[in-house]
C-alpha atoms as a PDB file:
ATOM      1  CA  MET A   1     -62.845  15.439 -65.490  1.00  0.00           C
ATOM      2  CA  THR A   2     -62.585  14.284 -69.185  1.00  0.00           C
ATOM      3  CA  GLY A   3     -63.227  10.401 -68.577  1.00  0.00           C
ATOM      4  CA  TYR A   4     -60.278   9.257 -70.484  1.00  0.00           C
ATOM      5  CA  ARG A   5     -56.357   9.054 -69.741  1.00  0.00           C
ATOM      6  CA  ILE A   6     -53.954  11.914 -70.991  1.00  0.00           C
ATOM      7  CA  ARG A   7     -51.241  10.768 -73.014  1.00  0.00           C
ATOM      8  CA  LEU A   8     -49.320  13.846 -73.531  1.00  0.00           C
ATOM      9  CA  ALA A   9     -49.113  17.359 -71.578  1.00  0.00           C
ATOM     10  CA  PHE A  10     -48.452  20.793 -72.838  1.00  0.00           C
ATOM     11  CA  PHE A  11     -47.214  23.532 -70.489  1.00  0.00           C
ATOM     12  CA  ASP A  12     -46.170  27.325 -71.187  1.00  0.00           C
ATOM     13  CA  VAL A  13     -42.965  27.776 -69.238  1.00  0.00           C
ATOM     14  CA  ASP A  14     -43.445  32.085 -68.160  1.00  0.00           C
ATOM     15  CA  GLY A  15     -46.053  32.645 -65.916  1.00  0.00           C
ATOM     16  CA  THR A  16     -46.844  29.019 -66.102  1.00  0.00           C
ATOM     17  CA  LEU A  17     -43.624  26.774 -64.454  1.00  0.00           C
ATOM     18  CA  LYS A  18     -41.901  29.975 -63.618  1.00  0.00           C
ATOM     19  CA  ALA A  19     -43.321  33.066 -61.876  1.00  0.00           C
ATOM     20  CA  GLU A  20     -41.927  35.592 -64.310  1.00  0.00           C
ATOM     21  CA  ARG A  21     -44.695  36.090 -67.197  1.00  0.00           C
ATOM     22  CA  ASP A  22     -42.501  37.912 -69.618  1.00  0.00           C
ATOM     23  CA  PRO A  23     -38.973  36.806 -70.116  1.00  0.00           C
ATOM     24  CA  TYR A  24     -38.004  39.287 -72.739  1.00  0.00           C
ATOM     25  CA  MET A  25     -38.842  42.270 -70.346  1.00  0.00           C
ATOM     26  CA  TYR A  26     -37.233  40.382 -67.335  1.00  0.00           C
ATOM     27  CA  LEU A  27     -34.118  40.539 -69.385  1.00  0.00           C
ATOM     28  CA  HIS A  28     -34.541  44.207 -69.906  1.00  0.00           C
ATOM     29  CA  ARG A  29     -34.810  45.103 -66.451  1.00  0.00           C
ATOM     30  CA  GLN A  30     -31.944  43.085 -65.170  1.00  0.00           C
ATOM     31  CA  LEU A  31     -29.855  44.324 -68.168  1.00  0.00           C
ATOM     32  CA  GLY A  32     -30.441  48.041 -67.840  1.00  0.00           C
ATOM     33  CA  ALA A  33     -32.649  47.940 -70.963  1.00  0.00           C
ATOM     34  CA  GLU A  34     -36.409  48.260 -69.745  1.00  0.00           C
ATOM     35  CA  LYS A  35     -36.951  51.738 -71.270  1.00  0.00           C
ATOM     36  CA  GLU A  36     -36.041  50.625 -74.919  1.00  0.00           C
ATOM     37  CA  GLY A  37     -37.352  47.211 -74.484  1.00  0.00           C
ATOM     38  CA  LEU A  38     -40.738  48.869 -73.345  1.00  0.00           C
ATOM     39  CA  ALA A  39     -40.641  50.976 -76.588  1.00  0.00           C
ATOM     40  CA  VAL A  40     -40.314  47.484 -78.562  1.00  0.00           C
ATOM     41  CA  LEU A  41     -43.240  45.820 -76.993  1.00  0.00           C
ATOM     42  CA  ALA A  42     -45.185  48.951 -77.461  1.00  0.00           C
ATOM     43  CA  SER A  43     -44.615  49.083 -81.164  1.00  0.00           C
ATOM     44  CA  PHE A  44     -45.503  45.523 -81.084  1.00  0.00           C
ATOM     45  CA  LEU A  45     -48.900  45.951 -79.330  1.00  0.00           C
ATOM     46  CA  ALA A  46     -49.872  48.568 -81.636  1.00  0.00           C
ATOM     47  CA  GLY A  47     -49.300  46.651 -84.778  1.00  0.00           C
ATOM     48  CA  GLN A  48     -46.583  48.772 -86.018  1.00  0.00           C
ATOM     49  CA  ILE A  49     -44.014  45.728 -86.359  1.00  0.00           C
ATOM     50  CA  ASP A  50     -44.495  42.011 -86.880  1.00  0.00           C
ATOM     51  CA  TYR A  51     -43.309  39.341 -84.118  1.00  0.00           C
ATOM     52  CA  ASP A  52     -39.791  38.540 -86.087  1.00  0.00           C
ATOM     53  CA  THR A  53     -39.161  42.231 -85.965  1.00  0.00           C
ATOM     54  CA  PHE A  54     -40.074  42.484 -82.282  1.00  0.00           C
ATOM     55  CA  ALA A  55     -38.177  39.642 -81.497  1.00  0.00           C
ATOM     56  CA  GLN A  56     -35.008  40.726 -83.393  1.00  0.00           C
ATOM     57  CA  ARG A  57     -35.293  44.221 -81.769  1.00  0.00           C
ATOM     58  CA  ASP A  58     -35.173  42.985 -78.265  1.00  0.00           C
ATOM     59  CA  ALA A  59     -32.492  40.730 -78.729  1.00  0.00           C
ATOM     60  CA  ALA A  60     -30.477  43.200 -80.326  1.00  0.00           C
ATOM     61  CA  LEU A  61     -30.516  45.019 -76.817  1.00  0.00           C
ATOM     62  CA  TRP A  62     -28.823  42.323 -75.506  1.00  0.00           C
ATOM     63  CA  THR A  63     -25.814  42.108 -78.031  1.00  0.00           C
ATOM     64  CA  GLY A  64     -22.728  40.786 -76.675  1.00  0.00           C
ATOM     65  CA  VAL A  65     -23.720  39.819 -72.796  1.00  0.00           C
ATOM     66  CA  GLU A  66     -22.405  36.572 -71.772  1.00  0.00           C
ATOM     67  CA  ILE A  67     -24.338  33.712 -71.713  1.00  0.00           C
ATOM     68  CA  ALA A  68     -23.341  32.639 -68.432  1.00  0.00           C
ATOM     69  CA  ARG A  69     -24.938  35.661 -66.883  1.00  0.00           C
ATOM     70  CA  VAL A  70     -28.035  35.326 -68.975  1.00  0.00           C
ATOM     71  CA  ASP A  71     -28.271  31.770 -67.743  1.00  0.00           C
ATOM     72  CA  ALA A  72     -27.759  32.754 -64.250  1.00  0.00           C
ATOM     73  CA  LEU A  73     -30.469  35.151 -64.480  1.00  0.00           C
ATOM     74  CA  PHE A  74     -32.865  33.084 -65.733  1.00  0.00           C
ATOM     75  CA  ALA A  75     -32.155  30.266 -63.405  1.00  0.00           C
ATOM     76  CA  ALA A  76     -33.007  32.504 -60.189  1.00  0.00           C
ATOM     77  CA  VAL A  77     -36.545  32.944 -61.527  1.00  0.00           C
ATOM     78  CA  PRO A  78     -38.709  30.962 -59.093  1.00  0.00           C
ATOM     79  CA  TYR A  79     -41.069  28.099 -60.081  1.00  0.00           C
ATOM     80  CA  VAL A  80     -44.776  28.439 -59.724  1.00  0.00           C
ATOM     81  CA  PRO A  81     -44.744  25.316 -56.836  1.00  0.00           C
ATOM     82  CA  GLU A  82     -47.835  24.284 -57.602  1.00  0.00           C
ATOM     83  CA  ALA A  83     -47.497  23.857 -61.348  1.00  0.00           C
ATOM     84  CA  ARG A  84     -43.781  22.323 -60.917  1.00  0.00           C
ATOM     85  CA  ALA A  85     -45.474  19.710 -58.836  1.00  0.00           C
ATOM     86  CA  LEU A  86     -48.313  19.305 -61.348  1.00  0.00           C
ATOM     87  CA  ALA A  87     -45.767  18.673 -64.024  1.00  0.00           C
ATOM     88  CA  GLU A  88     -43.562  16.867 -62.139  1.00  0.00           C
ATOM     89  CA  ALA A  89     -46.101  14.364 -60.968  1.00  0.00           C
ATOM     90  CA  LEU A  90     -47.280  13.808 -64.460  1.00  0.00           C
ATOM     91  CA  VAL A  91     -44.027  12.879 -65.506  1.00  0.00           C
ATOM     92  CA  ALA A  92     -43.864  10.594 -62.585  1.00  0.00           C
ATOM     93  CA  ALA A  93     -47.335   9.194 -63.943  1.00  0.00           C
ATOM     94  CA  GLY A  94     -45.704   8.445 -67.332  1.00  0.00           C
ATOM     95  CA  VAL A  95     -47.286  11.230 -69.209  1.00  0.00           C
ATOM     96  CA  PRO A  96     -44.963  13.025 -71.456  1.00  0.00           C
ATOM     97  CA  ILE A  97     -44.554  17.048 -70.840  1.00  0.00           C
ATOM     98  CA  VAL A  98     -43.604  18.982 -73.840  1.00  0.00           C
ATOM     99  CA  LEU A  99     -42.948  22.524 -73.214  1.00  0.00           C
ATOM    100  CA  ILE A 100     -44.031  24.976 -75.589  1.00  0.00           C
ATOM    101  CA  SER A 101     -42.704  28.615 -75.309  1.00  0.00           C
ATOM    102  CA  SER A 102     -42.514  32.032 -76.955  1.00  0.00           C
ATOM    103  CA  GLY A 103     -39.620  32.521 -74.415  1.00  0.00           C
ATOM    104  CA  VAL A 104     -36.012  31.595 -75.032  1.00  0.00           C
ATOM    105  CA  ASP A 105     -33.557  28.497 -74.906  1.00  0.00           C
ATOM    106  CA  ARG A 106     -31.334  29.741 -72.573  1.00  0.00           C
ATOM    107  CA  HIS A 107     -34.485  29.881 -69.843  1.00  0.00           C
ATOM    108  CA  VAL A 108     -36.589  26.851 -71.317  1.00  0.00           C
ATOM    109  CA  ARG A 109     -33.786  24.425 -71.569  1.00  0.00           C
ATOM    110  CA  GLN A 110     -33.394  24.887 -67.775  1.00  0.00           C
ATOM    111  CA  VAL A 111     -36.754  24.346 -67.226  1.00  0.00           C
ATOM    112  CA  ALA A 112     -37.094  21.031 -69.650  1.00  0.00           C
ATOM    113  CA  THR A 113     -33.673  19.696 -67.996  1.00  0.00           C
ATOM    114  CA  ASP A 114     -35.238  20.131 -64.096  1.00  0.00           C
ATOM    115  CA  LEU A 115     -38.611  18.563 -65.096  1.00  0.00           C
ATOM    116  CA  GLY A 116     -37.552  15.895 -67.355  1.00  0.00           C
ATOM    117  CA  ALA A 117     -39.803  17.078 -70.415  1.00  0.00           C
ATOM    118  CA  ALA A 118     -39.503  14.572 -73.349  1.00  0.00           C
ATOM    119  CA  GLU A 119     -39.610  17.755 -75.617  1.00  0.00           C
ATOM    120  CA  TRP A 120     -39.414  21.514 -75.839  1.00  0.00           C
ATOM    121  CA  ILE A 121     -39.771  24.107 -78.182  1.00  0.00           C
ATOM    122  CA  CYS A 122     -39.366  28.175 -77.970  1.00  0.00           C
ATOM    123  CA  ASN A 123     -36.876  30.935 -79.502  1.00  0.00           C
ATOM    124  CA  GLU A 124     -33.524  30.703 -79.728  1.00  0.00           C
ATOM    125  CA  LEU A 125     -30.813  33.553 -78.734  1.00  0.00           C
ATOM    126  CA  LEU A 126     -27.885  33.003 -81.123  1.00  0.00           C
ATOM    127  CA  THR A 127     -24.888  32.955 -79.920  1.00  0.00           C
ATOM    128  CA  GLU A 128     -21.025  33.405 -80.692  1.00  0.00           C
ATOM    129  CA  ASP A 129     -17.852  32.720 -78.128  1.00  0.00           C
ATOM    130  CA  GLY A 130     -19.781  32.555 -75.229  1.00  0.00           C
ATOM    131  CA  ARG A 131     -22.088  35.934 -75.608  1.00  0.00           C
ATOM    132  CA  LEU A 132     -25.292  36.809 -77.413  1.00  0.00           C
ATOM    133  CA  THR A 133     -25.006  38.110 -81.120  1.00  0.00           C
ATOM    134  CA  GLY A 134     -28.237  40.449 -80.686  1.00  0.00           C
ATOM    135  CA  ARG A 135     -29.947  38.211 -83.201  1.00  0.00           C
ATOM    136  CA  MET A 136     -33.010  35.466 -82.589  1.00  0.00           C
ATOM    137  CA  ARG A 137     -34.430  32.763 -84.393  1.00  0.00           C
ATOM    138  CA  VAL A 138     -37.768  32.615 -83.999  1.00  0.00           C
ATOM    139  CA  ARG A 139     -39.826  29.559 -83.792  1.00  0.00           C
ATOM    140  CA  VAL A 140     -42.820  29.781 -81.629  1.00  0.00           C
ATOM    141  CA  ASP A 141     -44.385  33.146 -81.840  1.00  0.00           C
ATOM    142  CA  TRP A 142     -47.786  34.706 -79.973  1.00  0.00           C
ATOM    143  CA  TYR A 143     -49.911  32.744 -82.757  1.00  0.00           C
ATOM    144  CA  SER A 144     -48.319  29.621 -83.220  1.00  0.00           C
ATOM    145  CA  LYS A 145     -48.677  27.385 -79.980  1.00  0.00           C
ATOM    146  CA  GLY A 146     -51.837  25.695 -81.688  1.00  0.00           C
ATOM    147  CA  ARG A 147     -49.876  24.676 -84.607  1.00  0.00           C
ATOM    148  CA  VAL A 148     -46.957  23.815 -82.806  1.00  0.00           C
ATOM    149  CA  ALA A 149     -48.975  21.334 -80.689  1.00  0.00           C
ATOM    150  CA  ARG A 150     -50.639  19.640 -83.131  1.00  0.00           C
ATOM    151  CA  ASP A 151     -47.073  18.725 -84.706  1.00  0.00           C
ATOM    152  CA  PHE A 152     -46.198  17.261 -81.769  1.00  0.00           C
ATOM    153  CA  MET A 153     -49.787  15.405 -81.341  1.00  0.00           C
ATOM    154  CA  THR A 154     -48.621  14.096 -84.307  1.00  0.00           C
ATOM    155  CA  ARG A 155     -45.243  12.976 -83.697  1.00  0.00           C
ATOM    156  CA  PHE A 156     -46.760  11.192 -80.513  1.00  0.00           C
ATOM    157  CA  GLY A 157     -49.705  10.037 -81.840  1.00  0.00           C
ATOM    158  CA  VAL A 158     -52.151  11.172 -79.844  1.00  0.00           C
ATOM    159  CA  GLY A 159     -55.441  12.957 -80.282  1.00  0.00           C
ATOM    160  CA  ARG A 160     -57.024  16.170 -79.277  1.00  0.00           C
ATOM    161  CA  GLU A 161     -58.962  13.888 -76.734  1.00  0.00           C
ATOM    162  CA  GLU A 162     -55.715  12.391 -74.536  1.00  0.00           C
ATOM    163  CA  CYS A 163     -53.916  16.147 -74.376  1.00  0.00           C
ATOM    164  CA  LEU A 164     -53.709  18.135 -71.532  1.00  0.00           C
ATOM    165  CA  ALA A 165     -52.677  22.059 -71.927  1.00  0.00           C
ATOM    166  CA  VAL A 166     -51.440  24.179 -69.035  1.00  0.00           C
ATOM    167  CA  GLY A 167     -51.037  28.138 -69.612  1.00  0.00           C
ATOM    168  CA  ASP A 168     -51.757  31.184 -68.342  1.00  0.00           C
ATOM    169  CA  GLY A 169     -51.780  34.056 -70.991  1.00  0.00           C
ATOM    170  CA  ARG A 170     -53.835  34.856 -73.847  1.00  0.00           C
ATOM    171  CA  GLY A 171     -50.926  33.268 -76.325  1.00  0.00           C
ATOM    172  CA  ASP A 172     -51.641  29.664 -74.725  1.00  0.00           C
ATOM    173  CA  LEU A 173     -55.427  29.942 -76.220  1.00  0.00           C
ATOM    174  CA  PRO A 174     -54.510  28.374 -79.504  1.00  0.00           C
ATOM    175  CA  MET A 175     -52.643  25.672 -77.253  1.00  0.00           C
ATOM    176  CA  PHE A 176     -55.754  25.438 -75.275  1.00  0.00           C
ATOM    177  CA  ALA A 177     -57.882  24.898 -78.624  1.00  0.00           C
ATOM    178  CA  GLU A 178     -56.042  21.362 -79.222  1.00  0.00           C
ATOM    179  CA  ALA A 179     -56.456  20.007 -76.094  1.00  0.00           C
ATOM    180  CA  ALA A 180     -59.668  18.539 -74.349  1.00  0.00           C
ATOM    181  CA  GLN A 181     -58.581  19.628 -71.158  1.00  0.00           C
ATOM    182  CA  CYS A 182     -56.986  22.904 -70.102  1.00  0.00           C
ATOM    183  CA  ILE A 183     -55.514  24.055 -66.818  1.00  0.00           C
ATOM    184  CA  ALA A 184     -54.824  27.751 -66.202  1.00  0.00           C
ATOM    185  CA  VAL A 185     -52.269  29.190 -63.736  1.00  0.00           C
ATOM    186  CA  ASN A 186     -52.973  32.350 -62.008  1.00  0.00           C
ATOM    187  CA  PRO A 187     -54.593  33.543 -65.212  1.00  0.00           C
ATOM    188  CA  TYR A 188     -54.704  37.560 -65.561  1.00  0.00           C
ATOM    189  CA  ASP A 189     -57.009  37.380 -68.587  1.00  0.00           C
ATOM    190  CA  GLU A 190     -60.803  36.643 -68.051  1.00  0.00           C
ATOM    191  CA  GLN A 191     -60.747  35.114 -71.733  1.00  0.00           C
ATOM    192  CA  VAL A 192     -58.061  32.276 -70.544  1.00  0.00           C
ATOM    193  CA  ARG A 193     -59.903  31.930 -67.677  1.00  0.00           C
ATOM    194  CA  ALA A 194     -63.241  31.200 -69.162  1.00  0.00           C
ATOM    195  CA  ALA A 195     -61.003  29.129 -71.839  1.00  0.00           C
ATOM    196  CA  ALA A 196     -59.703  26.674 -69.026  1.00  0.00           C
ATOM    197  CA  ASP A 197     -61.700  23.841 -67.717  1.00  0.00           C
ATOM    198  CA  LEU A 198     -59.496  24.396 -64.146  1.00  0.00           C
ATOM    199  CA  ILE A 199     -58.044  27.007 -62.425  1.00  0.00           C
ATOM    200  CA  LEU A 200     -54.405  25.881 -60.637  1.00  0.00           C
ATOM    201  CA  GLY A 201     -55.060  26.506 -56.823  1.00  0.00           C
ATOM    202  CA  GLU A 202     -59.027  26.180 -57.106  1.00  0.00           C
ATOM    203  CA  PHE A 203     -59.551  22.392 -57.264  1.00  0.00           C
ATOM    204  CA  ASP A 204     -57.765  19.601 -55.466  1.00  0.00           C
ATOM    205  CA  LEU A 205     -54.691  18.873 -57.185  1.00  0.00           C
ATOM    206  CA  ALA A 206     -53.695  15.502 -55.237  1.00  0.00           C
ATOM    207  CA  ALA A 207     -57.400  14.038 -55.915  1.00  0.00           C
ATOM    208  CA  TRP A 208     -56.955  15.125 -59.560  1.00  0.00           C
ATOM    209  CA  LEU A 209     -53.515  13.370 -59.849  1.00  0.00           C
ATOM    210  CA  ALA A 210     -54.645  10.356 -58.118  1.00  0.00           C
ATOM    211  CA  GLU A 211     -57.905   9.809 -61.079  1.00  0.00           C
ATOM    212  CA  LEU A 212     -55.540  10.554 -63.799  1.00  0.00           C
ATOM    213  CA  VAL A 213     -53.564   7.479 -62.692  1.00  0.00           C
ATOM    214  CA  ASP A 214     -56.674   5.605 -62.084  1.00  0.00           C
ATOM    215  CA  TRP A 215     -57.949   6.138 -65.802  1.00  0.00           C
END
């Protein structure tokens, strides 16, 4: 434990609070564009395109899809139960939670509403007349979560020593670097496991929360 009270908690969404790790590939699978989506992802991972190009090409594969269908698909993604319990307990203890996601607003907004998040930020799928336009406004890429976390720390008037970060993947490492305490949820990468102070599921959540409230 850190020995001081947490006053702000940052959460990733996909793979952390919700079971699907990749919201983009999830939509591709559900909408019949998995092959094309994998090709776009491969180009990005190979360094052939930048993040914005990757995002626009992904969004283009969903052009014309009704937003009601997208919303329903995301609503069907189950929560990671213990991660949700952690977020809800923090809110109940008076600790604001902020969702920082490189996922999409049709999903993150749902989670923010469910959990009573104080703030949230992610990428925006542009819409017109109830359908996706095939364009995306990028607000959080795979590399910018640290900068975004610092912006929120300034807005909330808290220091690093008062912040908790919760995530699951390499994209969360810059956010981990800005928080005094970090929790990894089902980490699939050894670098993420090594950067975390605690692994969810490997410690007594109830006891940890009790200590949080008593600080």
